[in-house]
N, C-alpha and C. Protein backbone atom coordinates (compact mmCIF):
# COMPACT_ATOMS: atom_id res chain seq x y z
N MET A 1 44.95 56.06 6.22
CA MET A 1 43.61 55.93 5.63
C MET A 1 43.71 55.81 3.58
N ARG A 2 44.40 57.05 3.11
CA ARG A 2 44.09 57.30 1.99
C ARG A 2 44.48 56.25 1.22
N PRO A 3 45.72 55.77 1.09
CA PRO A 3 46.32 54.66 0.36
C PRO A 3 45.58 53.58 0.24
N LEU A 4 44.93 52.90 1.23
CA LEU A 4 43.88 52.09 1.43
C LEU A 4 43.02 52.00 0.27
N LEU A 5 42.03 53.96 0.33
CA LEU A 5 40.90 53.90 -0.49
C LEU A 5 41.20 53.22 -1.88
N PRO A 6 42.38 53.49 -2.22
CA PRO A 6 42.19 53.00 -4.05
C PRO A 6 42.28 51.20 -4.49
N THR A 7 43.29 50.93 -3.45
CA THR A 7 43.24 49.35 -3.09
C THR A 7 41.41 48.68 -3.27
N LEU A 8 40.90 49.55 -2.29
CA LEU A 8 39.46 49.29 -2.05
C LEU A 8 38.53 49.52 -3.11
N ILE A 9 38.96 50.53 -3.97
CA ILE A 9 38.24 50.73 -4.94
C ILE A 9 38.26 49.59 -6.15
N ALA A 10 39.67 49.19 -6.32
CA ALA A 10 40.29 48.41 -7.21
C ALA A 10 39.29 46.97 -7.14
N LEU A 11 39.41 46.80 -5.77
CA LEU A 11 39.21 45.27 -5.31
C LEU A 11 37.25 45.47 -5.58
N ALA A 12 36.51 46.42 -5.63
CA ALA A 12 35.29 46.32 -5.90
C ALA A 12 34.91 46.26 -7.34
N LEU A 13 35.75 47.43 -8.08
CA LEU A 13 35.54 46.65 -9.33
C LEU A 13 35.97 45.38 -9.79
N ALA A 14 37.07 44.95 -9.63
CA ALA A 14 37.22 43.77 -9.86
C ALA A 14 36.61 42.54 -9.35
N ALA A 15 35.54 42.48 -8.20
CA ALA A 15 34.77 41.65 -7.52
C ALA A 15 33.20 41.47 -8.78
N PRO A 16 32.92 40.15 -9.03
CA PRO A 16 31.85 40.14 -10.06
C PRO A 16 30.74 40.50 -9.06
N ALA A 17 29.73 41.56 -9.62
CA ALA A 17 28.99 41.88 -9.27
C ALA A 17 27.74 40.50 -9.17
N SER A 18 27.31 40.42 -8.02
CA SER A 18 25.52 39.56 -7.82
C SER A 18 24.84 40.01 -8.76
N GLY A 19 24.32 38.79 -9.76
CA GLY A 19 23.39 39.04 -10.33
C GLY A 19 23.62 39.34 -12.01
N ALA A 20 24.95 39.03 -12.36
CA ALA A 20 25.14 39.39 -13.47
C ALA A 20 25.43 38.33 -13.92
N PRO A 21 25.00 38.75 -15.44
CA PRO A 21 24.37 38.16 -16.26
C PRO A 21 25.61 36.40 -16.80
N SER A 22 26.50 36.61 -15.94
CA SER A 22 26.97 35.55 -16.27
C SER A 22 27.35 34.69 -15.13
N ASP A 23 26.50 34.44 -13.72
CA ASP A 23 26.00 34.03 -12.86
C ASP A 23 24.86 32.87 -13.29
N GLY A 24 24.08 33.48 -13.96
CA GLY A 24 23.29 32.83 -14.53
C GLY A 24 22.19 32.27 -13.68
N PRO A 25 21.08 31.13 -13.99
CA PRO A 25 19.98 30.58 -12.48
C PRO A 25 20.70 29.55 -12.38
N VAL A 26 20.75 29.25 -11.11
CA VAL A 26 21.03 27.86 -10.20
C VAL A 26 20.25 26.50 -11.13
N PRO A 27 21.45 25.62 -11.44
CA PRO A 27 21.25 24.81 -12.30
C PRO A 27 20.23 23.48 -11.63
N ARG A 28 19.29 23.13 -12.79
CA ARG A 28 18.53 22.56 -12.05
C ARG A 28 19.05 20.86 -12.32
N GLU A 29 18.93 19.53 -11.30
CA GLU A 29 19.12 18.71 -11.69
C GLU A 29 17.83 17.72 -11.53
N VAL A 30 17.61 17.39 -12.58
CA VAL A 30 16.81 16.24 -12.54
C VAL A 30 17.11 14.72 -12.49
N HIS A 31 15.78 14.44 -11.86
CA HIS A 31 16.27 12.93 -11.95
C HIS A 31 14.67 12.18 -11.73
N MET A 32 14.81 11.29 -13.48
CA MET A 32 13.43 10.79 -13.50
C MET A 32 13.64 9.26 -12.96
N VAL A 33 12.67 9.12 -12.13
CA VAL A 33 12.27 7.79 -11.36
C VAL A 33 10.97 6.70 -12.08
N TYR A 34 11.27 6.74 -12.76
CA TYR A 34 10.09 5.10 -13.39
C TYR A 34 10.05 3.77 -12.63
N MET A 35 9.02 3.94 -12.45
CA MET A 35 8.29 2.75 -11.43
C MET A 35 7.61 1.44 -12.43
N GLY A 36 8.20 0.25 -13.02
CA GLY A 36 7.30 -0.26 -13.29
C GLY A 36 7.73 -2.18 -13.84
N GLY A 37 7.20 -2.65 -13.74
CA GLY A 37 8.04 -4.07 -14.09
C GLY A 37 7.43 -4.97 -15.16
N ASN A 38 7.51 -6.37 -15.71
CA ASN A 38 7.36 -6.99 -16.12
C ASN A 38 6.36 -7.72 -16.81
N ASP A 39 5.56 -7.45 -14.98
CA ASP A 39 3.89 -7.78 -15.18
C ASP A 39 3.18 -6.92 -15.69
N CYS A 40 3.59 -5.38 -16.00
CA CYS A 40 2.73 -4.35 -16.07
C CYS A 40 2.43 -4.56 -18.25
N PRO A 41 2.36 -4.76 -18.87
CA PRO A 41 2.47 -4.65 -20.36
C PRO A 41 2.35 -3.10 -20.69
N PRO A 42 1.66 -2.12 -20.47
CA PRO A 42 2.09 -0.98 -20.77
C PRO A 42 3.42 -0.05 -20.34
N CYS A 43 4.20 -0.95 -19.16
CA CYS A 43 5.65 -0.80 -18.73
C CYS A 43 6.59 -1.04 -19.27
N VAL A 44 6.25 -2.17 -20.05
CA VAL A 44 7.22 -3.13 -21.12
C VAL A 44 7.13 -2.20 -22.63
N ALA A 45 5.71 -2.28 -22.91
CA ALA A 45 5.75 -1.38 -24.12
C ALA A 45 6.60 -0.09 -24.06
N TRP A 46 6.33 0.69 -22.85
CA TRP A 46 6.83 1.36 -22.91
C TRP A 46 8.49 1.99 -22.81
N ARG A 47 8.93 0.93 -22.33
CA ARG A 47 10.92 0.76 -22.15
C ARG A 47 10.94 0.43 -23.53
N LYS A 48 10.21 -0.56 -24.59
CA LYS A 48 10.68 -0.78 -25.70
C LYS A 48 10.57 0.19 -26.59
N ASP A 49 9.26 0.93 -26.63
CA ASP A 49 8.89 2.00 -27.70
C ASP A 49 9.04 3.45 -27.61
N GLU A 50 8.63 3.68 -26.40
CA GLU A 50 9.04 5.06 -25.96
C GLU A 50 10.41 5.66 -25.20
N LEU A 51 10.88 4.68 -24.11
CA LEU A 51 11.85 4.85 -23.45
C LEU A 51 13.48 5.62 -24.71
N PRO A 52 13.30 4.36 -26.04
CA PRO A 52 14.51 4.99 -26.84
C PRO A 52 14.27 5.95 -27.16
N LYS A 53 13.39 6.45 -27.75
CA LYS A 53 12.77 8.01 -28.30
C LYS A 53 13.50 8.62 -27.36
N LEU A 54 12.72 8.87 -26.31
CA LEU A 54 13.38 10.04 -25.01
C LEU A 54 15.10 9.34 -24.64
N GLN A 55 15.54 8.35 -24.66
CA GLN A 55 16.67 8.43 -24.48
C GLN A 55 17.58 9.15 -25.73
N ARG A 56 17.05 9.82 -26.94
CA ARG A 56 17.60 10.15 -28.23
C ARG A 56 17.84 11.26 -27.88
N THR A 57 16.92 12.18 -27.18
CA THR A 57 16.58 14.04 -26.75
C THR A 57 17.65 14.22 -26.55
N ALA A 58 17.73 15.43 -26.57
CA ALA A 58 19.43 16.16 -25.65
C ALA A 58 18.55 16.41 -24.53
N ALA A 59 17.06 16.43 -24.08
CA ALA A 59 16.56 17.09 -23.46
C ALA A 59 16.81 15.97 -21.75
N PHE A 60 16.56 14.81 -22.53
CA PHE A 60 17.17 13.26 -21.70
C PHE A 60 18.93 13.30 -21.08
N LYS A 61 19.38 13.73 -22.45
CA LYS A 61 20.62 13.98 -21.91
C LYS A 61 21.49 14.32 -20.95
N GLY A 62 20.45 15.39 -20.36
CA GLY A 62 21.05 16.71 -19.12
C GLY A 62 20.39 15.78 -17.93
N ILE A 63 19.37 14.98 -17.53
CA ILE A 63 19.26 13.89 -16.75
C ILE A 63 19.60 13.27 -16.09
N ARG A 64 19.31 12.49 -15.22
CA ARG A 64 19.68 11.17 -14.30
C ARG A 64 17.84 10.30 -14.70
N PHE A 65 18.15 9.07 -15.31
CA PHE A 65 17.12 8.15 -15.35
C PHE A 65 17.31 7.11 -14.80
N SER A 66 16.52 6.45 -13.65
CA SER A 66 16.66 5.40 -12.99
C SER A 66 15.29 4.20 -13.13
N HIS A 67 15.61 2.92 -13.28
CA HIS A 67 14.34 2.24 -13.54
C HIS A 67 14.42 1.33 -11.96
N VAL A 68 13.31 1.16 -11.74
CA VAL A 68 12.75 0.80 -10.65
C VAL A 68 11.68 -0.60 -10.99
N ASP A 69 12.39 -1.44 -10.76
CA ASP A 69 10.93 -2.53 -11.45
C ASP A 69 10.66 -2.99 -10.00
N LYS A 70 9.05 -2.73 -10.31
CA LYS A 70 8.27 -3.20 -9.48
C LYS A 70 6.87 -3.73 -9.63
N SER A 71 6.00 -4.46 -9.01
CA SER A 71 4.80 -5.09 -9.55
C SER A 71 3.90 -4.47 -9.60
N ILE A 72 2.74 -4.01 -10.19
CA ILE A 72 1.58 -3.90 -10.43
C ILE A 72 0.90 -3.75 -9.13
N ARG A 73 0.55 -4.49 -8.10
CA ARG A 73 -0.07 -4.31 -7.15
C ARG A 73 0.77 -3.85 -6.02
N SER A 74 1.97 -3.62 -6.63
CA SER A 74 2.88 -2.62 -5.18
C SER A 74 2.56 -1.49 -5.32
N ALA A 75 2.92 -0.91 -3.85
CA ALA A 75 3.30 1.03 -3.90
C ALA A 75 4.86 0.91 -4.79
N VAL A 76 5.23 1.99 -3.86
CA VAL A 76 6.99 2.31 -3.96
C VAL A 76 7.50 0.95 -3.25
N PRO A 77 8.31 0.32 -3.90
CA PRO A 77 9.50 -1.16 -3.57
C PRO A 77 9.81 -0.43 -1.67
N PRO A 78 10.03 -1.71 -1.37
CA PRO A 78 10.61 -1.49 0.03
C PRO A 78 11.97 -0.80 -0.71
N SER A 79 12.88 -0.21 0.68
CA SER A 79 14.25 0.25 0.40
C SER A 79 15.11 -0.47 -0.57
N PHE A 80 15.24 -1.82 0.17
CA PHE A 80 16.21 -2.75 -0.53
C PHE A 80 15.93 -3.31 -1.76
N PHE A 81 14.76 -2.89 -2.48
CA PHE A 81 14.61 -2.97 -3.89
C PHE A 81 14.60 -2.27 -4.59
N LEU A 82 14.98 -0.84 -4.24
CA LEU A 82 15.31 0.24 -4.91
C LEU A 82 16.95 0.16 -5.21
N PRO A 83 16.95 0.85 -6.32
CA PRO A 83 18.51 0.69 -6.64
C PRO A 83 19.08 2.32 -5.95
N GLU A 84 20.39 1.85 -5.92
CA GLU A 84 21.07 2.70 -4.55
C GLU A 84 20.77 3.80 -4.92
N GLU A 85 21.02 4.32 -6.12
CA GLU A 85 20.94 6.14 -6.24
C GLU A 85 19.27 6.51 -6.14
N VAL A 86 18.24 5.63 -5.63
CA VAL A 86 17.20 6.31 -5.33
C VAL A 86 16.55 5.86 -4.01
N ARG A 87 17.25 5.20 -3.36
CA ARG A 87 17.10 5.08 -1.79
C ARG A 87 16.70 5.76 -1.01
N HIS A 88 17.42 6.83 -1.13
CA HIS A 88 17.99 7.89 -0.24
C HIS A 88 16.35 9.03 -0.45
N TYR A 89 15.83 8.69 -1.66
CA TYR A 89 14.31 9.43 -1.77
C TYR A 89 13.23 8.73 -1.50
N LYS A 90 13.37 7.32 -0.57
CA LYS A 90 12.46 6.28 -0.41
C LYS A 90 11.44 7.50 0.52
N ALA A 91 10.91 7.90 1.60
CA ALA A 91 10.31 8.89 2.20
C ALA A 91 9.80 9.72 1.30
N GLN A 92 10.17 10.37 0.51
CA GLN A 92 9.48 11.80 -0.64
C GLN A 92 8.88 10.47 -1.68
N LEU A 93 8.99 9.50 -2.20
CA LEU A 93 8.73 8.70 -3.45
C LEU A 93 7.24 8.43 -2.29
N ASP A 94 6.76 8.01 -0.95
CA ASP A 94 6.33 6.85 -0.29
C ASP A 94 5.57 7.93 -0.24
N THR A 95 5.60 9.52 0.42
CA THR A 95 4.86 10.27 0.47
C THR A 95 3.90 10.80 -0.80
N ALA A 96 5.14 11.29 -2.03
CA ALA A 96 4.41 11.20 -3.29
C ALA A 96 3.13 10.78 -4.13
N GLY A 97 3.78 9.51 -3.64
CA GLY A 97 2.64 8.15 -4.15
C GLY A 97 1.35 7.98 -3.41
N GLY A 98 1.78 8.27 -2.09
CA GLY A 98 -0.23 8.27 -1.40
C GLY A 98 -0.11 6.91 -1.20
N GLY A 99 0.78 5.66 -1.62
CA GLY A 99 0.36 4.29 -1.26
C GLY A 99 -0.50 3.62 -2.05
N ASN A 100 -0.58 4.37 -3.10
CA ASN A 100 -1.13 3.92 -4.57
C ASN A 100 -0.31 2.91 -5.26
N THR A 101 -1.39 1.55 -5.77
CA THR A 101 -0.41 0.78 -6.18
C THR A 101 -1.09 0.98 -7.81
N GLY A 102 -0.49 0.58 -8.11
CA GLY A 102 -0.68 0.29 -10.14
C GLY A 102 0.91 0.75 -10.50
N SER A 103 1.03 0.40 -11.98
CA SER A 103 2.07 0.88 -13.00
C SER A 103 1.91 1.11 -14.18
N PRO A 104 2.39 2.15 -14.97
CA PRO A 104 3.41 2.27 -14.64
C PRO A 104 3.40 3.65 -13.38
N GLN A 105 4.35 4.49 -12.17
CA GLN A 105 4.57 5.29 -11.44
C GLN A 105 5.87 6.09 -12.11
N THR A 106 5.63 7.01 -12.13
CA THR A 106 7.09 8.28 -12.28
C THR A 106 7.01 9.08 -11.70
N ALA A 107 7.93 8.87 -11.10
CA ALA A 107 8.10 10.70 -9.89
C ALA A 107 9.47 11.09 -10.87
N ILE A 108 9.27 12.93 -11.35
CA ILE A 108 10.25 13.49 -11.71
C ILE A 108 10.67 14.53 -10.05
N LEU A 109 12.11 14.53 -10.62
CA LEU A 109 12.61 15.07 -9.13
C LEU A 109 13.25 16.17 -9.75
N VAL A 110 13.65 17.14 -8.94
CA VAL A 110 14.35 18.69 -9.19
C VAL A 110 14.99 18.99 -7.72
N ASN A 111 16.35 18.78 -7.95
CA ASN A 111 17.34 19.18 -7.35
C ASN A 111 17.21 18.87 -5.44
N GLY A 112 16.49 17.11 -6.07
CA GLY A 112 16.17 16.14 -4.87
C GLY A 112 15.26 16.19 -3.80
N LYS A 113 13.64 17.44 -5.21
CA LYS A 113 13.36 17.23 -4.30
C LYS A 113 11.86 16.54 -5.26
N VAL A 114 10.65 16.16 -5.25
CA VAL A 114 10.25 15.56 -6.13
C VAL A 114 8.89 17.05 -6.49
N TYR A 115 8.78 16.86 -7.92
CA TYR A 115 8.73 18.05 -8.53
C TYR A 115 7.27 17.52 -9.53
N ASP A 116 7.26 16.34 -9.48
CA ASP A 116 5.79 15.76 -10.28
C ASP A 116 6.19 14.32 -9.92
N TYR A 117 4.70 13.91 -9.47
CA TYR A 117 4.61 12.48 -9.36
C TYR A 117 3.17 11.59 -10.27
N TYR A 118 3.53 11.09 -11.33
CA TYR A 118 2.34 10.60 -12.08
C TYR A 118 2.13 9.26 -12.43
N PHE A 119 1.04 8.60 -12.56
CA PHE A 119 0.49 7.62 -13.01
C PHE A 119 0.06 7.37 -14.25
N GLY A 120 0.59 6.37 -15.32
CA GLY A 120 0.54 6.02 -16.14
C GLY A 120 1.81 6.19 -17.19
N ALA A 121 1.39 6.01 -18.57
CA ALA A 121 2.65 6.44 -19.56
C ALA A 121 2.20 7.25 -20.24
N ARG A 122 3.43 8.33 -20.64
CA ARG A 122 3.28 9.20 -21.50
C ARG A 122 4.22 8.92 -22.43
N SER A 123 4.03 9.39 -23.28
CA SER A 123 4.70 9.56 -25.03
C SER A 123 5.89 10.24 -24.47
N ALA A 124 7.01 9.55 -25.47
CA ALA A 124 8.31 10.39 -25.36
C ALA A 124 8.75 12.07 -25.84
N ALA A 125 7.72 11.86 -26.78
CA ALA A 125 7.72 13.31 -26.85
C ALA A 125 6.75 14.29 -25.74
N ASP A 126 6.15 13.86 -25.07
CA ASP A 126 5.20 14.56 -23.63
C ASP A 126 6.16 14.53 -22.83
N ILE A 127 6.87 13.75 -22.04
CA ILE A 127 8.36 13.54 -21.48
C ILE A 127 9.36 14.79 -22.30
N GLU A 128 9.59 14.70 -23.03
CA GLU A 128 10.46 15.77 -23.38
C GLU A 128 10.33 17.11 -23.24
N ALA A 129 8.69 17.03 -23.37
CA ALA A 129 7.93 18.55 -23.10
C ALA A 129 8.31 18.82 -21.76
N MET A 130 8.24 17.88 -21.02
CA MET A 130 8.41 18.20 -19.89
C MET A 130 9.67 18.77 -19.29
N LEU A 131 10.56 18.04 -19.71
CA LEU A 131 12.21 18.06 -18.96
C LEU A 131 12.31 19.26 -20.12
N LEU A 132 12.13 19.69 -20.84
CA LEU A 132 12.32 20.87 -21.26
C LEU A 132 12.30 22.38 -20.49
N ALA A 133 10.51 21.97 -20.23
CA ALA A 133 10.02 22.84 -19.64
C ALA A 133 11.04 22.85 -18.05
N ILE A 134 11.16 22.20 -17.56
CA ILE A 134 12.23 22.20 -16.60
C ILE A 134 13.18 23.04 -16.70
N GLN A 135 13.59 22.33 -17.37
CA GLN A 135 15.28 23.14 -17.90
C GLN A 135 15.38 24.56 -18.32
N ASP A 136 14.10 24.80 -19.17
CA ASP A 136 13.75 26.25 -19.60
C ASP A 136 13.31 26.95 -18.67
N ARG A 137 13.01 26.78 -17.13
CA ARG A 137 12.04 27.35 -16.28
C ARG A 137 10.91 27.94 -17.26
N THR A 138 10.36 26.90 -18.40
CA THR A 138 9.09 27.64 -19.11
C THR A 138 7.60 26.88 -17.93
N PRO A 139 6.47 27.45 -18.91
CA PRO A 139 5.54 26.62 -18.13
C PRO A 139 5.50 24.75 -18.25
N TYR A 140 5.64 24.58 -17.40
CA TYR A 140 5.09 22.94 -17.52
C TYR A 140 3.95 22.51 -18.23
N PRO A 141 3.95 21.65 -19.32
CA PRO A 141 2.61 20.91 -19.86
C PRO A 141 1.66 19.95 -19.38
N TRP A 142 1.84 19.82 -17.95
CA TRP A 142 0.54 19.30 -17.79
C TRP A 142 0.79 19.68 -16.16
N PRO A 143 -0.46 19.07 -15.65
CA PRO A 143 -1.01 19.88 -13.93
C PRO A 143 0.26 18.85 -13.33
N ARG A 144 0.63 19.42 -12.40
CA ARG A 144 2.11 18.65 -10.92
C ARG A 144 1.30 18.44 -10.28
N CYS A 145 1.47 16.92 -10.01
CA CYS A 145 1.61 16.91 -8.77
C CYS A 145 2.16 16.09 -7.70
N VAL A 146 2.49 16.90 -6.72
CA VAL A 146 4.19 16.06 -6.33
C VAL A 146 3.40 15.41 -4.44
N ARG A 147 2.44 14.84 -4.43
CA ARG A 147 1.35 14.53 -3.20
C ARG A 147 0.26 13.94 -3.32
N ARG A 148 0.10 12.72 -3.98
CA ARG A 148 -1.17 11.00 -4.54
C ARG A 148 -1.69 11.78 -3.17
N GLY A 149 -3.24 11.51 -3.22
CA GLY A 149 -4.15 10.74 -2.49
C GLY A 149 -5.01 9.54 -2.83
N ALA A 150 -6.10 9.26 -2.23
CA ALA A 150 -6.55 8.11 -2.50
C ALA A 150 -7.05 7.85 -4.17
N ARG A 151 -6.88 6.75 -4.93
CA ARG A 151 -7.40 6.70 -6.16
C ARG A 151 -6.68 7.90 -7.18
N TRP A 152 -5.20 7.73 -6.85
CA TRP A 152 -4.60 9.21 -7.87
C TRP A 152 -5.13 10.40 -7.65
N SER A 153 -6.03 11.15 -6.96
CA SER A 153 -6.06 12.34 -6.93
C SER A 153 -5.57 12.94 -6.71
N CYS A 154 -4.94 14.34 -7.29
CA CYS A 154 -3.74 15.18 -6.33
C CYS A 154 -4.35 16.12 -5.46
N GLU A 155 -3.33 15.92 -4.26
CA GLU A 155 -3.55 16.51 -3.22
C GLU A 155 -2.71 17.97 -2.79
N ASP A 156 -1.61 17.73 -3.64
CA ASP A 156 -0.87 18.74 -3.66
C ASP A 156 -0.17 18.81 -4.56
N GLY A 157 -0.66 20.08 -5.38
CA GLY A 157 -0.30 20.53 -7.13
C GLY A 157 1.51 21.30 -7.25
N GLY A 158 2.33 21.21 -5.99
CA GLY A 158 3.40 22.12 -5.64
C GLY A 158 3.40 23.11 -6.09
């Protein structure tokens, strides 16, 4: 048994310790799902003015972005109107949106789960701050909501 002891010690020393600095935190996959169509003047303006600014930021380059064309009068569209990369989130988006209509609606998903769901247009700078907070694990700059209720009230702040 003694010859085995040096081998076990060598293996233990060679194995990385859990929690070692090189392990780092689990990466966060961020997916921003923006829902709004051409019948919504704030949506059109946001896509024309703010989206290009946001796309130039380093924070945006680290996320996935999907645009869902939806009318003002609809809630989250049926699955067949959703881009393929968003379809598997349909049930979560329905729950998070609470059946509310209006545009724009935005879902921020982190590692496949709704992290924030909001109504209305935010500036590129505000969204960049949100994305950086998620990526850097610092305080989120807005009150979060993962499930909306009637008239956009927040029923679950996450």
